[in-house]
Amino acid sequence: MMKLVVFGATGNVGQQVVKQALEQGHEVTAFARNPLKLNIKHPKLTLFQGDVMESARVQQALQGQDIVVCTLGSGKKLTGTVRSQGTQNIILAMKKCGMKRLICQTTLGLGESWGSLNFYWKYIMFGFILRNVFADHQQQEETVKNSDLEWTIIRPAAFIEGECTGEYRHGFPGTDKTSKLKITHADVADFILKQLVDDFYLYQAPSLSY
């Protein structure tokens, strides 16, 4: 059993990570601007109120933790600037605390998967509106990759919702281009938690998508 701090704990994936981690017996610190939104009571759950831009609060939340899970969303509407800057703050705090393991979930739908087409279609449709978000997600991944941490980046295809219609294959889509595989938030959370004990994807960016 491990102690993990979840940044972005009230987001769609973050909530699932918290819930499923507690079910597996881990100790969880849920970091969010309003952690009460979780509406979860559990003896192994600690609610921690703060903003990822507050370096002192981030460092305080990291004390005594084993692993950091980062599921940040675009905190500033239409700009997404909190994602890359927030991740950078978390990494700096981890270094000060001597922590090494970071599992980072980004909504950037890139990679060798059909899911990337979904993001590009949205990107083309909304053009200038999403351009800053797209660039910020790229910066977030570069920030993680350039750190000296033990990292895994997980990319669910952007904006995908719906019930699971098949099996995700350990983070990668099937090779059959005609297959339709929808990934739920619970699937992403399940894959994130597998990384607590499986280091196969260290220094990689697996893509959960179609």
C-alpha atoms as a PDB file:
ATOM      1  CA  MET A   1       0.000   0.000   0.000  1.00  0.00           C
ATOM      2  CA  MET A   2       1.303   3.444  -0.887  1.00  0.00           C
ATOM      3  CA  LYS A   3       0.781   7.069  -0.011  1.00  0.00           C
ATOM      4  CA  LEU A   4      -0.117   9.165  -3.016  1.00  0.00           C
ATOM      5  CA  VAL A   5      -1.061  12.781  -3.507  1.00  0.00           C
ATOM      6  CA  VAL A   6      -3.492  13.489  -6.323  1.00  0.00           C
ATOM      7  CA  PHE A   7      -3.348  16.953  -7.874  1.00  0.00           C
ATOM      8  CA  GLY A   8      -6.545  17.870  -9.682  1.00  0.00           C
ATOM      9  CA  ALA A   9      -8.464  15.495  -7.445  1.00  0.00           C
ATOM     10  CA  THR A  10     -11.883  16.986  -8.235  1.00  0.00           C
ATOM     11  CA  GLY A  11     -11.549  16.601 -12.017  1.00  0.00           C
ATOM     12  CA  ASN A  12     -13.224  13.719 -13.841  1.00  0.00           C
ATOM     13  CA  VAL A  13     -10.176  11.455 -13.847  1.00  0.00           C
ATOM     14  CA  GLY A  14      -8.879  12.743 -10.514  1.00  0.00           C
ATOM     15  CA  GLN A  15     -12.063  11.747  -8.713  1.00  0.00           C
ATOM     16  CA  GLN A  16     -11.846   8.248 -10.140  1.00  0.00           C
ATOM     17  CA  VAL A  17      -8.196   7.939  -9.119  1.00  0.00           C
ATOM     18  CA  VAL A  18      -9.038   8.947  -5.541  1.00  0.00           C
ATOM     19  CA  LYS A  19     -12.013   6.600  -5.332  1.00  0.00           C
ATOM     20  CA  GLN A  20     -10.255   3.584  -6.826  1.00  0.00           C
ATOM     21  CA  ALA A  21      -7.022   4.148  -4.875  1.00  0.00           C
ATOM     22  CA  LEU A  22      -8.963   4.152  -1.603  1.00  0.00           C
ATOM     23  CA  GLU A  23     -10.766   0.986  -2.648  1.00  0.00           C
ATOM     24  CA  GLN A  24      -7.366  -0.630  -3.187  1.00  0.00           C
ATOM     25  CA  GLY A  25      -6.236   0.358   0.301  1.00  0.00           C
ATOM     26  CA  HIS A  26      -3.846   3.196  -0.530  1.00  0.00           C
ATOM     27  CA  GLU A  27      -3.569   6.386   1.524  1.00  0.00           C
ATOM     28  CA  VAL A  28      -4.633   9.378  -0.563  1.00  0.00           C
ATOM     29  CA  THR A  29      -4.112  13.110  -0.192  1.00  0.00           C
ATOM     30  CA  ALA A  30      -6.558  14.902  -2.491  1.00  0.00           C
ATOM     31  CA  PHE A  31      -5.218  18.304  -3.532  1.00  0.00           C
ATOM     32  CA  ALA A  32      -7.680  20.754  -5.101  1.00  0.00           C
ATOM     33  CA  ARG A  33      -8.944  24.314  -4.823  1.00  0.00           C
ATOM     34  CA  ASN A  34     -12.163  22.930  -3.374  1.00  0.00           C
ATOM     35  CA  PRO A  35     -11.531  19.328  -2.258  1.00  0.00           C
ATOM     36  CA  LEU A  36     -14.956  19.135  -0.580  1.00  0.00           C
ATOM     37  CA  LYS A  37     -16.376  18.628  -4.076  1.00  0.00           C
ATOM     38  CA  LEU A  38     -15.144  15.063  -3.812  1.00  0.00           C
ATOM     39  CA  ASN A  39     -17.873  14.318  -1.281  1.00  0.00           C
ATOM     40  CA  ILE A  40     -15.933  11.279  -0.076  1.00  0.00           C
ATOM     41  CA  LYS A  41     -15.325  10.324   3.534  1.00  0.00           C
ATOM     42  CA  HIS A  42     -12.708   7.691   4.198  1.00  0.00           C
ATOM     43  CA  PRO A  43     -10.209   7.093   7.042  1.00  0.00           C
ATOM     44  CA  LYS A  44      -7.340   6.955   4.531  1.00  0.00           C
ATOM     45  CA  LEU A  45      -8.338  10.144   2.707  1.00  0.00           C
ATOM     46  CA  THR A  46      -6.853  13.556   3.504  1.00  0.00           C
ATOM     47  CA  LEU A  47      -8.432  16.596   1.866  1.00  0.00           C
ATOM     48  CA  PHE A  48      -5.896  19.306   1.083  1.00  0.00           C
ATOM     49  CA  GLN A  49      -7.075  22.700  -0.100  1.00  0.00           C
ATOM     50  CA  GLY A  50      -4.717  24.680  -2.281  1.00  0.00           C
ATOM     51  CA  ASP A  51      -3.791  25.884  -5.732  1.00  0.00           C
ATOM     52  CA  VAL A  52      -0.987  24.325  -7.759  1.00  0.00           C
ATOM     53  CA  MET A  53       0.404  27.819  -8.319  1.00  0.00           C
ATOM     54  CA  GLU A  54       1.041  28.131  -4.564  1.00  0.00           C
ATOM     55  CA  SER A  55       4.489  26.548  -4.238  1.00  0.00           C
ATOM     56  CA  ALA A  56       4.454  26.436  -0.433  1.00  0.00           C
ATOM     57  CA  ARG A  57       1.102  24.622  -0.362  1.00  0.00           C
ATOM     58  CA  VAL A  58       2.224  22.138  -2.998  1.00  0.00           C
ATOM     59  CA  GLN A  59       5.386  21.345  -1.051  1.00  0.00           C
ATOM     60  CA  GLN A  60       3.398  20.961   2.156  1.00  0.00           C
ATOM     61  CA  ALA A  61       1.076  18.458   0.493  1.00  0.00           C
ATOM     62  CA  LEU A  62       4.031  16.370  -0.687  1.00  0.00           C
ATOM     63  CA  GLN A  63       5.433  15.732   2.775  1.00  0.00           C
ATOM     64  CA  GLY A  64       5.518  12.006   3.528  1.00  0.00           C
ATOM     65  CA  GLN A  65       4.126  10.930   0.161  1.00  0.00           C
ATOM     66  CA  ASP A  66       5.420   8.121  -2.065  1.00  0.00           C
ATOM     67  CA  ILE A  67       3.995   8.994  -5.479  1.00  0.00           C
ATOM     68  CA  VAL A  68       2.530  12.054  -7.184  1.00  0.00           C
ATOM     69  CA  VAL A  69      -0.422  11.725  -9.545  1.00  0.00           C
ATOM     70  CA  CYS A  70      -1.087  14.816 -11.628  1.00  0.00           C
ATOM     71  CA  THR A  71      -4.464  15.021 -13.404  1.00  0.00           C
ATOM     72  CA  LEU A  72      -4.612  18.785 -13.857  1.00  0.00           C
ATOM     73  CA  GLY A  73      -7.198  20.387 -16.090  1.00  0.00           C
ATOM     74  CA  SER A  74      -7.231  23.772 -17.756  1.00  0.00           C
ATOM     75  CA  GLY A  75      -7.722  25.890 -14.671  1.00  0.00           C
ATOM     76  CA  LYS A  76      -7.899  29.179 -16.562  1.00  0.00           C
ATOM     77  CA  LYS A  77     -10.808  29.093 -18.956  1.00  0.00           C
ATOM     78  CA  LEU A  78      -9.814  28.837 -22.632  1.00  0.00           C
ATOM     79  CA  THR A  79      -6.113  29.412 -21.918  1.00  0.00           C
ATOM     80  CA  GLY A  80      -5.057  26.262 -20.077  1.00  0.00           C
ATOM     81  CA  THR A  81      -2.045  28.043 -18.607  1.00  0.00           C
ATOM     82  CA  VAL A  82      -2.414  26.385 -15.205  1.00  0.00           C
ATOM     83  CA  ARG A  83      -1.618  22.945 -16.617  1.00  0.00           C
ATOM     84  CA  SER A  84       2.011  23.456 -17.674  1.00  0.00           C
ATOM     85  CA  GLN A  85       2.854  26.014 -14.989  1.00  0.00           C
ATOM     86  CA  GLY A  86       1.141  23.943 -12.325  1.00  0.00           C
ATOM     87  CA  THR A  87       3.037  20.835 -13.391  1.00  0.00           C
ATOM     88  CA  GLN A  88       6.280  22.791 -13.262  1.00  0.00           C
ATOM     89  CA  ASN A  89       5.506  23.897  -9.696  1.00  0.00           C
ATOM     90  CA  ILE A  90       4.767  20.317  -8.691  1.00  0.00           C
ATOM     91  CA  ILE A  91       8.058  19.086 -10.175  1.00  0.00           C
ATOM     92  CA  LEU A  92      10.057  21.780  -8.375  1.00  0.00           C
ATOM     93  CA  ALA A  93       8.364  20.887  -5.092  1.00  0.00           C
ATOM     94  CA  MET A  94       9.051  17.186  -5.671  1.00  0.00           C
ATOM     95  CA  LYS A  95      12.757  17.898  -6.083  1.00  0.00           C
ATOM     96  CA  LYS A  96      12.826  19.857  -2.826  1.00  0.00           C
ATOM     97  CA  CYS A  97      11.118  16.961  -1.048  1.00  0.00           C
ATOM     98  CA  GLY A  98      13.323  14.308  -2.654  1.00  0.00           C
ATOM     99  CA  MET A  99      10.434  12.631  -4.473  1.00  0.00           C
ATOM    100  CA  LYS A 100      11.053  10.872  -7.791  1.00  0.00           C
ATOM    101  CA  ARG A 101       7.883   9.196  -9.088  1.00  0.00           C
ATOM    102  CA  LEU A 102       5.389  11.231 -11.144  1.00  0.00           C
ATOM    103  CA  ILE A 103       2.377   9.904 -13.037  1.00  0.00           C
ATOM    104  CA  CYS A 104       1.028  12.687 -15.235  1.00  0.00           C
ATOM    105  CA  GLN A 105      -2.251  12.525 -17.155  1.00  0.00           C
ATOM    106  CA  THR A 106      -2.674  15.002 -19.982  1.00  0.00           C
ATOM    107  CA  THR A 107      -5.665  15.436 -22.274  1.00  0.00           C
ATOM    108  CA  LEU A 108      -3.380  15.977 -25.243  1.00  0.00           C
ATOM    109  CA  GLY A 109      -4.701  13.428 -27.749  1.00  0.00           C
ATOM    110  CA  LEU A 110      -1.449  12.856 -29.630  1.00  0.00           C
ATOM    111  CA  GLY A 111       0.412   9.681 -30.408  1.00  0.00           C
ATOM    112  CA  GLU A 112       0.054   6.785 -32.798  1.00  0.00           C
ATOM    113  CA  SER A 113      -3.668   6.353 -32.317  1.00  0.00           C
ATOM    114  CA  TRP A 114      -6.954   7.257 -33.887  1.00  0.00           C
ATOM    115  CA  GLY A 115      -7.683   9.316 -30.833  1.00  0.00           C
ATOM    116  CA  SER A 116      -5.347  12.004 -32.121  1.00  0.00           C
ATOM    117  CA  LEU A 117      -7.716  12.581 -35.028  1.00  0.00           C
ATOM    118  CA  ASN A 118     -10.464  13.381 -32.553  1.00  0.00           C
ATOM    119  CA  PHE A 119      -8.367  16.102 -30.959  1.00  0.00           C
ATOM    120  CA  TYR A 120      -7.212  17.542 -34.274  1.00  0.00           C
ATOM    121  CA  TRP A 121     -10.794  17.745 -35.489  1.00  0.00           C
ATOM    122  CA  LYS A 122     -11.733  19.705 -32.387  1.00  0.00           C
ATOM    123  CA  TYR A 123      -8.621  21.808 -32.790  1.00  0.00           C
ATOM    124  CA  ILE A 124      -9.481  22.687 -36.389  1.00  0.00           C
ATOM    125  CA  MET A 125     -13.119  23.405 -35.518  1.00  0.00           C
ATOM    126  CA  PHE A 126     -12.330  25.782 -32.675  1.00  0.00           C
ATOM    127  CA  GLY A 127      -9.037  27.076 -34.095  1.00  0.00           C
ATOM    128  CA  PHE A 128      -7.887  30.059 -32.132  1.00  0.00           C
ATOM    129  CA  ILE A 129      -9.908  29.123 -29.044  1.00  0.00           C
ATOM    130  CA  LEU A 130      -8.021  25.877 -28.481  1.00  0.00           C
ATOM    131  CA  ARG A 131      -4.639  26.958 -29.802  1.00  0.00           C
ATOM    132  CA  ASN A 132      -3.414  28.142 -26.405  1.00  0.00           C
ATOM    133  CA  VAL A 133      -4.691  24.971 -24.744  1.00  0.00           C
ATOM    134  CA  PHE A 134      -2.953  22.797 -27.338  1.00  0.00           C
ATOM    135  CA  ALA A 135       0.343  24.634 -26.894  1.00  0.00           C
ATOM    136  CA  ASP A 136       0.061  24.470 -23.112  1.00  0.00           C
ATOM    137  CA  HIS A 137      -0.502  20.703 -23.142  1.00  0.00           C
ATOM    138  CA  GLN A 138       2.586  20.309 -25.287  1.00  0.00           C
ATOM    139  CA  GLN A 139       4.556  22.411 -22.832  1.00  0.00           C
ATOM    140  CA  GLN A 140       3.279  20.308 -19.940  1.00  0.00           C
ATOM    141  CA  GLU A 141       4.599  17.130 -21.529  1.00  0.00           C
ATOM    142  CA  GLU A 142       7.962  18.730 -22.344  1.00  0.00           C
ATOM    143  CA  THR A 143       8.258  19.923 -18.737  1.00  0.00           C
ATOM    144  CA  VAL A 144       7.720  16.384 -17.468  1.00  0.00           C
ATOM    145  CA  LYS A 145      10.034  14.771 -20.037  1.00  0.00           C
ATOM    146  CA  ASN A 146      12.859  17.202 -19.311  1.00  0.00           C
ATOM    147  CA  SER A 147      12.732  16.581 -15.573  1.00  0.00           C
ATOM    148  CA  ASP A 148      14.998  14.051 -13.859  1.00  0.00           C
ATOM    149  CA  LEU A 149      12.001  12.292 -12.329  1.00  0.00           C
ATOM    150  CA  GLU A 150      10.762   8.772 -12.916  1.00  0.00           C
ATOM    151  CA  TRP A 151       7.765   9.725 -15.027  1.00  0.00           C
ATOM    152  CA  THR A 152       4.933   8.251 -16.988  1.00  0.00           C
ATOM    153  CA  ILE A 153       2.682  10.411 -19.151  1.00  0.00           C
ATOM    154  CA  ILE A 154      -0.788   9.107 -19.899  1.00  0.00           C
ATOM    155  CA  ARG A 155      -2.737  10.632 -22.786  1.00  0.00           C
ATOM    156  CA  PRO A 156      -6.414   9.783 -23.017  1.00  0.00           C
ATOM    157  CA  ALA A 157      -7.774  10.943 -26.360  1.00  0.00           C
ATOM    158  CA  ALA A 158      -9.165  14.413 -25.750  1.00  0.00           C
ATOM    159  CA  PHE A 159     -12.856  14.936 -25.018  1.00  0.00           C
ATOM    160  CA  ILE A 160     -13.843  11.241 -25.256  1.00  0.00           C
ATOM    161  CA  GLU A 161     -16.854  10.210 -23.220  1.00  0.00           C
ATOM    162  CA  GLY A 162     -19.125   7.192 -23.162  1.00  0.00           C
ATOM    163  CA  GLU A 163     -19.342   3.625 -21.976  1.00  0.00           C
ATOM    164  CA  CYS A 164     -16.481   1.261 -22.595  1.00  0.00           C
ATOM    165  CA  THR A 165     -17.222  -0.836 -25.684  1.00  0.00           C
ATOM    166  CA  GLY A 166     -14.126  -3.014 -25.579  1.00  0.00           C
ATOM    167  CA  GLU A 167     -10.886  -3.603 -23.696  1.00  0.00           C
ATOM    168  CA  TYR A 168      -8.026  -1.166 -23.531  1.00  0.00           C
ATOM    169  CA  ARG A 169      -4.754  -2.967 -24.068  1.00  0.00           C
ATOM    170  CA  HIS A 170      -2.514  -1.750 -21.295  1.00  0.00           C
ATOM    171  CA  GLY A 171      -2.591   1.773 -22.571  1.00  0.00           C
ATOM    172  CA  PHE A 172      -2.448   1.178 -26.299  1.00  0.00           C
ATOM    173  CA  PRO A 173      -5.298   0.801 -28.820  1.00  0.00           C
ATOM    174  CA  GLY A 174      -5.846  -2.338 -30.884  1.00  0.00           C
ATOM    175  CA  THR A 175      -4.266  -2.588 -34.320  1.00  0.00           C
ATOM    176  CA  ASP A 176      -7.587  -3.038 -36.103  1.00  0.00           C
ATOM    177  CA  LYS A 177      -8.402   0.418 -37.456  1.00  0.00           C
ATOM    178  CA  THR A 178     -12.083  -0.449 -37.732  1.00  0.00           C
ATOM    179  CA  SER A 179     -12.456  -1.251 -34.046  1.00  0.00           C
ATOM    180  CA  LYS A 180     -14.205   1.281 -31.825  1.00  0.00           C
ATOM    181  CA  LEU A 181     -12.846   1.469 -28.326  1.00  0.00           C
ATOM    182  CA  LYS A 182     -14.132   4.122 -25.986  1.00  0.00           C
ATOM    183  CA  ILE A 183     -12.223   4.811 -22.802  1.00  0.00           C
ATOM    184  CA  THR A 184     -14.013   5.908 -19.664  1.00  0.00           C
ATOM    185  CA  HIS A 185     -12.590   7.996 -16.845  1.00  0.00           C
ATOM    186  CA  ALA A 186     -12.549   4.853 -14.692  1.00  0.00           C
ATOM    187  CA  ASP A 187     -10.412   3.068 -17.297  1.00  0.00           C
ATOM    188  CA  VAL A 188      -7.881   5.881 -17.241  1.00  0.00           C
ATOM    189  CA  ALA A 189      -7.824   5.865 -13.438  1.00  0.00           C
ATOM    190  CA  ASP A 190      -7.343   2.101 -13.435  1.00  0.00           C
ATOM    191  CA  PHE A 191      -4.375   2.421 -15.770  1.00  0.00           C
ATOM    192  CA  ILE A 192      -2.879   5.214 -13.662  1.00  0.00           C
ATOM    193  CA  LEU A 193      -3.089   3.085 -10.524  1.00  0.00           C
ATOM    194  CA  LYS A 194      -1.449   0.144 -12.277  1.00  0.00           C
ATOM    195  CA  GLN A 195       1.602   2.384 -12.643  1.00  0.00           C
ATOM    196  CA  LEU A 196       2.018   2.379  -8.854  1.00  0.00           C
ATOM    197  CA  VAL A 197       3.481  -1.108  -9.051  1.00  0.00           C
ATOM    198  CA  ASP A 198       4.323  -1.526 -12.758  1.00  0.00           C
ATOM    199  CA  ASP A 199       7.334   0.410 -14.046  1.00  0.00           C
ATOM    200  CA  PHE A 200       7.024  -0.837 -17.631  1.00  0.00           C
ATOM    201  CA  TYR A 201       5.958   2.608 -18.855  1.00  0.00           C
ATOM    202  CA  LEU A 202       8.616   4.654 -17.099  1.00  0.00           C
ATOM    203  CA  TYR A 203       9.839   7.458 -19.372  1.00  0.00           C
ATOM    204  CA  GLN A 204       7.051   6.773 -21.859  1.00  0.00           C
ATOM    205  CA  ALA A 205       3.790   8.415 -22.895  1.00  0.00           C
ATOM    206  CA  PRO A 206       1.230   5.677 -23.538  1.00  0.00           C
ATOM    207  CA  SER A 207      -1.920   6.776 -25.333  1.00  0.00           C
ATOM    208  CA  LEU A 208      -5.343   5.616 -24.170  1.00  0.00           C
ATOM    209  CA  SER A 209      -7.694   6.251 -27.064  1.00  0.00           C
ATOM    210  CA  TYR A 210      -9.586   4.746 -29.998  1.00  0.00           C
END
